[in-house]
C-alpha cells in the first residue's frame, strides 16, 4: 500500500462517523502529500533512465529536461511537507489557515530574508510538534529551501561539463551553486550541488517525513 493510500485510510479511520465537516479536505491533503512523495520516486527512476547512461536523443533539450527534473524535485519535496502540515493542522485544530492558501511549514518556522528566525512551532499541537521539529532540524530540508530559492530567483550558477564524445552519465549534467538562507551571500557561502543529488535528496526527504506523517496518523487513537 502506497503512502497516499495509507494516509487516506488513516484519515478515514480517524474521522469516520465523526461528522467532521473538514473530513474531505483533510483526506484530500493527506493523500496528496503521499502522492507528492510517490511522484518523486517515479521522478528519480525516470531521471536515472534519462541521464544515467548514454543520454537519450528524444527530441527534448537536455538542459530543459535537467532543469525540469530539478524544479520538480525541489518543489515537489517541499510541497509534500506543506501538505502534511496542512492536513495535520485541520485534523488537530491548530491550522492558521492563511487567506492565500492552506498552512505550510513556513507559517510555523521560517528564516526571513534579513536572517531572522520566525518560530511559531509552539502553535503546533502534539504529536505534530515533534513531526515539524524533525523537519526543520533536518539539514536536507534547509538544502531544499536553498535549491528552491536559487531556482526561483535565477541565481544558480550552472556547472557545465564539456565532452567531445557521447554524453553519458549523471556526472555530465548541470550543477548548481546554491546560496545561503541568510544573507549576505558571497562565494564562500555557496555550496555546489549536482542535479542528480537534488533529485535523490528530494525523494529521500519526502519519503522520510511523509512516512513519519503517516506513522503519526497510525498512532492516533
Protein backbone atom coordinates (compact mmCIF):
# COMPACT_ATOMS: atom_id res chain seq x y z
CA UNK A 1 0.00 0.00 0.00
CA UNK A 2 1.47 3.35 -1.05
CA UNK A 3 1.83 6.42 1.15
CA UNK A 4 -1.17 8.17 -0.40
CA UNK A 5 -3.45 5.19 0.23
CA UNK A 6 -2.09 4.72 3.75
CA UNK A 7 -2.68 8.39 4.59
CA UNK A 8 -6.20 8.37 3.18
CA UNK A 9 -7.02 5.13 5.01
CA UNK A 10 -5.85 6.52 8.33
CA UNK A 11 -7.79 9.76 7.92
CA UNK A 12 -10.87 7.69 7.16
CA UNK A 13 -10.29 5.58 10.26
CA UNK A 14 -9.92 8.67 12.45
CA UNK A 15 -12.84 10.66 11.09
CA UNK A 16 -15.47 8.13 10.01
CA UNK A 17 -18.72 8.63 11.91
CA UNK A 18 -17.46 11.86 13.49
CA UNK A 19 -19.44 14.24 11.25
CA UNK A 20 -16.31 16.34 10.91
CA UNK A 21 -17.08 18.89 8.15
CA UNK A 22 -13.39 19.02 7.26
CA UNK A 23 -13.11 15.30 6.55
CA UNK A 24 -12.97 15.66 2.73
CA UNK A 25 -10.34 18.42 2.89
CA UNK A 26 -8.16 16.54 5.38
CA UNK A 27 -8.37 13.35 3.35
CA UNK A 28 -7.50 15.21 0.16
CA UNK A 29 -4.49 16.97 1.72
CA UNK A 30 -3.16 13.80 3.37
CA UNK A 31 -3.49 11.72 0.21
CA UNK A 32 -1.93 14.50 -1.88
CA UNK A 33 1.09 14.52 0.45
CA UNK A 34 1.53 10.81 -0.18
CA UNK A 35 1.17 11.24 -3.94
CA UNK A 36 3.72 14.06 -3.93
CA UNK A 37 6.27 11.80 -2.24
CA UNK A 38 5.45 8.89 -4.51
CA UNK A 39 5.85 11.09 -7.60
CA UNK A 40 9.44 11.77 -6.56
CA UNK A 41 10.16 8.04 -6.51
CA UNK A 42 8.90 7.95 -10.10
CA UNK A 43 10.94 11.04 -10.96
CA UNK A 44 14.15 9.53 -9.59
CA UNK A 45 13.56 6.44 -11.72
CA UNK A 46 12.91 8.28 -14.98
CA UNK A 47 15.72 10.72 -14.20
CA UNK A 48 18.15 7.81 -13.99
CA UNK A 49 16.84 6.36 -17.25
CA UNK A 50 17.25 9.73 -18.98
CA UNK A 51 20.69 10.65 -17.68
CA UNK A 52 22.23 7.60 -16.00
CA UNK A 53 23.63 6.02 -19.17
CA UNK A 54 24.07 7.42 -22.67
CA UNK A 55 21.72 10.39 -22.84
CA UNK A 56 18.63 9.75 -24.93
CA UNK A 57 18.06 11.55 -28.22
CA UNK A 58 14.35 12.04 -27.58
CA UNK A 59 13.83 15.44 -29.16
CA UNK A 60 13.88 17.34 -25.87
CA UNK A 61 16.72 19.65 -24.92
CA UNK A 62 18.98 18.13 -22.27
CA UNK A 63 19.22 21.40 -20.36
CA UNK A 64 15.43 21.82 -20.35
CA UNK A 65 14.87 18.27 -19.09
CA UNK A 66 17.60 18.68 -16.48
CA UNK A 67 16.10 21.94 -15.21
CA UNK A 68 12.62 20.47 -15.27
CA UNK A 69 13.61 17.46 -13.20
CA UNK A 70 15.40 19.62 -10.62
CA UNK A 71 12.47 22.00 -10.31
CA UNK A 72 10.03 19.10 -9.99
CA UNK A 73 12.21 17.51 -7.34
CA UNK A 74 12.85 20.55 -5.15
CA UNK A 75 9.34 21.99 -5.29
CA UNK A 76 7.72 18.57 -5.02
CA UNK A 77 9.73 17.71 -1.94
CA UNK A 78 8.77 20.93 -0.17
CA UNK A 79 5.15 20.66 -1.29
CA UNK A 80 4.82 17.17 0.16
CA UNK A 81 5.79 18.51 3.59
CA UNK A 82 3.49 21.52 3.34
CA UNK A 83 0.58 19.23 2.51
CA UNK A 84 1.35 17.20 5.64
CA UNK A 85 1.23 20.19 7.98
CA UNK A 86 -1.92 21.48 6.26
CA UNK A 87 -3.66 18.15 6.86
CA UNK A 88 -2.34 17.91 10.43
CA UNK A 89 -3.46 21.45 11.25
CA UNK A 90 -7.00 20.82 10.09
CA UNK A 91 -7.15 17.41 11.75
CA UNK A 92 -5.90 18.56 15.16
CA UNK A 93 -7.43 22.03 15.14
CA UNK A 94 -4.36 24.25 15.15
CA UNK A 95 -4.47 25.32 11.49
CA UNK A 96 -3.81 29.02 10.99
CA UNK A 97 -5.34 28.90 7.51
CA UNK A 98 -3.74 31.96 5.87
CA UNK A 99 -6.09 33.73 3.49
CA UNK A 100 -3.96 32.85 0.49
CA UNK A 101 -3.94 29.10 0.95
CA UNK A 102 -3.53 26.19 3.35
CA UNK A 103 -0.90 26.13 6.08
CA UNK A 104 2.72 25.48 5.15
CA UNK A 105 5.81 24.65 7.16
CA UNK A 106 6.94 28.26 6.77
CA UNK A 107 3.80 29.51 8.52
CA UNK A 108 5.27 27.97 11.68
CA UNK A 109 9.01 28.21 11.11
CA UNK A 110 10.96 30.24 8.59
CA UNK A 111 14.14 32.21 8.12
CA UNK A 112 13.39 35.69 6.75
CA UNK A 113 15.41 37.44 4.06
CA UNK A 114 17.00 39.53 6.80
CA UNK A 115 18.19 36.41 8.58
CA UNK A 116 15.68 36.49 11.43
CA UNK A 117 14.01 33.27 12.52
CA UNK A 118 10.24 33.40 12.90
CA UNK A 119 9.42 30.43 15.10
CA UNK A 120 5.76 29.72 15.90
CA UNK A 121 6.12 26.00 16.42
CA UNK A 122 4.54 26.38 19.87
CA UNK A 123 1.22 26.63 18.00
CA UNK A 124 1.63 23.11 16.61
CA UNK A 125 -0.11 20.63 18.90
CA UNK A 126 1.33 17.26 19.91
CA UNK A 127 2.13 14.84 18.41
CA UNK A 128 2.64 17.04 15.37
CA UNK A 129 5.09 19.31 17.17
CA UNK A 130 7.65 16.50 17.18
CA UNK A 131 6.97 15.95 13.47
CA UNK A 132 7.61 19.55 12.45
CA UNK A 133 10.67 19.70 14.73
CA UNK A 134 12.12 16.74 12.85
CA UNK A 135 11.53 18.52 9.54
CA UNK A 136 13.08 21.89 10.37
CA UNK A 137 16.11 20.34 12.09
CA UNK A 138 16.79 18.10 9.08
CA UNK A 139 19.71 19.72 7.25
CA UNK A 140 18.38 18.27 4.00
CA UNK A 141 15.27 20.42 4.36
CA UNK A 142 17.42 23.56 4.51
CA UNK A 143 19.25 22.38 1.39
CA UNK A 144 15.94 22.01 -0.44
CA UNK A 145 14.98 25.55 0.53
CA UNK A 146 18.31 26.80 -0.77
CA UNK A 147 17.82 24.96 -4.06
CA UNK A 148 14.27 26.27 -4.39
CA UNK A 149 15.45 29.84 -3.76
CA UNK A 150 18.22 29.51 -6.33
CA UNK A 151 15.76 28.29 -8.95
CA UNK A 152 13.07 30.87 -8.15
CA UNK A 153 15.43 33.83 -8.10
CA UNK A 154 17.53 32.56 -11.01
CA UNK A 155 20.83 32.98 -9.16
CA UNK A 156 22.02 29.43 -9.77
CA UNK A 157 25.40 29.16 -11.49
CA UNK A 158 25.38 26.33 -14.00
CA UNK A 159 28.38 23.99 -13.82
CA UNK A 160 28.71 22.73 -17.38
CA UNK A 161 30.81 19.69 -18.22
CA UNK A 162 32.03 19.60 -21.81
CA UNK A 163 32.84 16.49 -23.78
CA UNK A 164 33.73 15.66 -27.38
CA UNK A 165 32.27 12.13 -27.24
CA UNK A 166 28.82 10.72 -26.44
CA UNK A 167 27.24 12.34 -23.43
CA UNK A 168 26.77 9.73 -20.74
CA UNK A 169 26.15 9.60 -17.01
CA UNK A 170 24.97 11.96 -14.28
CA UNK A 171 28.44 13.49 -13.87
CA UNK A 172 28.00 15.26 -17.23
CA UNK A 173 24.89 17.10 -16.06
CA UNK A 174 24.42 20.60 -14.75
CA UNK A 175 25.14 21.55 -11.19
CA UNK A 176 24.04 24.50 -9.11
CA UNK A 177 25.77 26.93 -6.82
CA UNK A 178 23.14 27.38 -4.11
CA UNK A 179 23.33 30.37 -1.82
CA UNK A 180 22.68 30.60 1.92
CA UNK A 181 19.29 31.11 3.52
CA UNK A 182 20.72 34.02 5.49
CA UNK A 183 22.41 36.94 3.68
CA UNK A 184 24.90 38.29 2.85
CA UNK A 185 25.87 35.94 0.03
CA UNK A 186 29.41 35.61 -1.25
CA UNK A 187 31.35 32.75 -2.89
CA UNK A 188 32.33 31.14 0.40
CA UNK A 189 28.67 30.82 1.48
CA UNK A 190 27.63 28.85 -1.60
CA UNK A 191 27.51 25.08 -1.97
CA UNK A 192 27.73 23.15 -5.22
CA UNK A 193 25.03 20.54 -5.70
CA UNK A 194 24.67 18.34 -8.77
CA UNK A 195 21.30 17.76 -10.43
CA UNK A 196 21.10 14.05 -9.60
CA UNK A 197 21.88 14.76 -5.96
CA UNK A 198 18.95 17.19 -5.79
CA UNK A 199 16.57 14.64 -7.30
CA UNK A 200 17.64 11.91 -4.87
CA UNK A 201 17.70 14.29 -1.89
CA UNK A 202 14.16 15.49 -2.61
CA UNK A 203 12.87 11.94 -2.91
CA UNK A 204 14.51 10.85 0.33
CA UNK A 205 13.34 13.88 2.33
CA UNK A 206 9.76 13.41 1.12
CA UNK A 207 9.74 9.68 1.86
CA UNK A 208 11.25 10.23 5.32
CA UNK A 209 8.88 12.91 6.54
CA UNK A 210 5.69 11.93 4.72
CA UNK A 211 6.32 8.41 6.02
CA UNK A 212 6.66 9.88 9.51
CA UNK A 213 3.42 11.82 8.96
CA UNK A 214 1.60 8.57 8.14
CA UNK A 215 3.16 6.95 11.22
CA UNK A 216 1.72 9.74 13.42
CA UNK A 217 -1.71 9.19 11.88
CA UNK A 218 -1.42 5.50 12.64
CA UNK A 219 -0.51 6.25 16.26
CA UNK A 220 -3.61 8.35 16.89
CA UNK A 221 -6.49 6.58 18.63
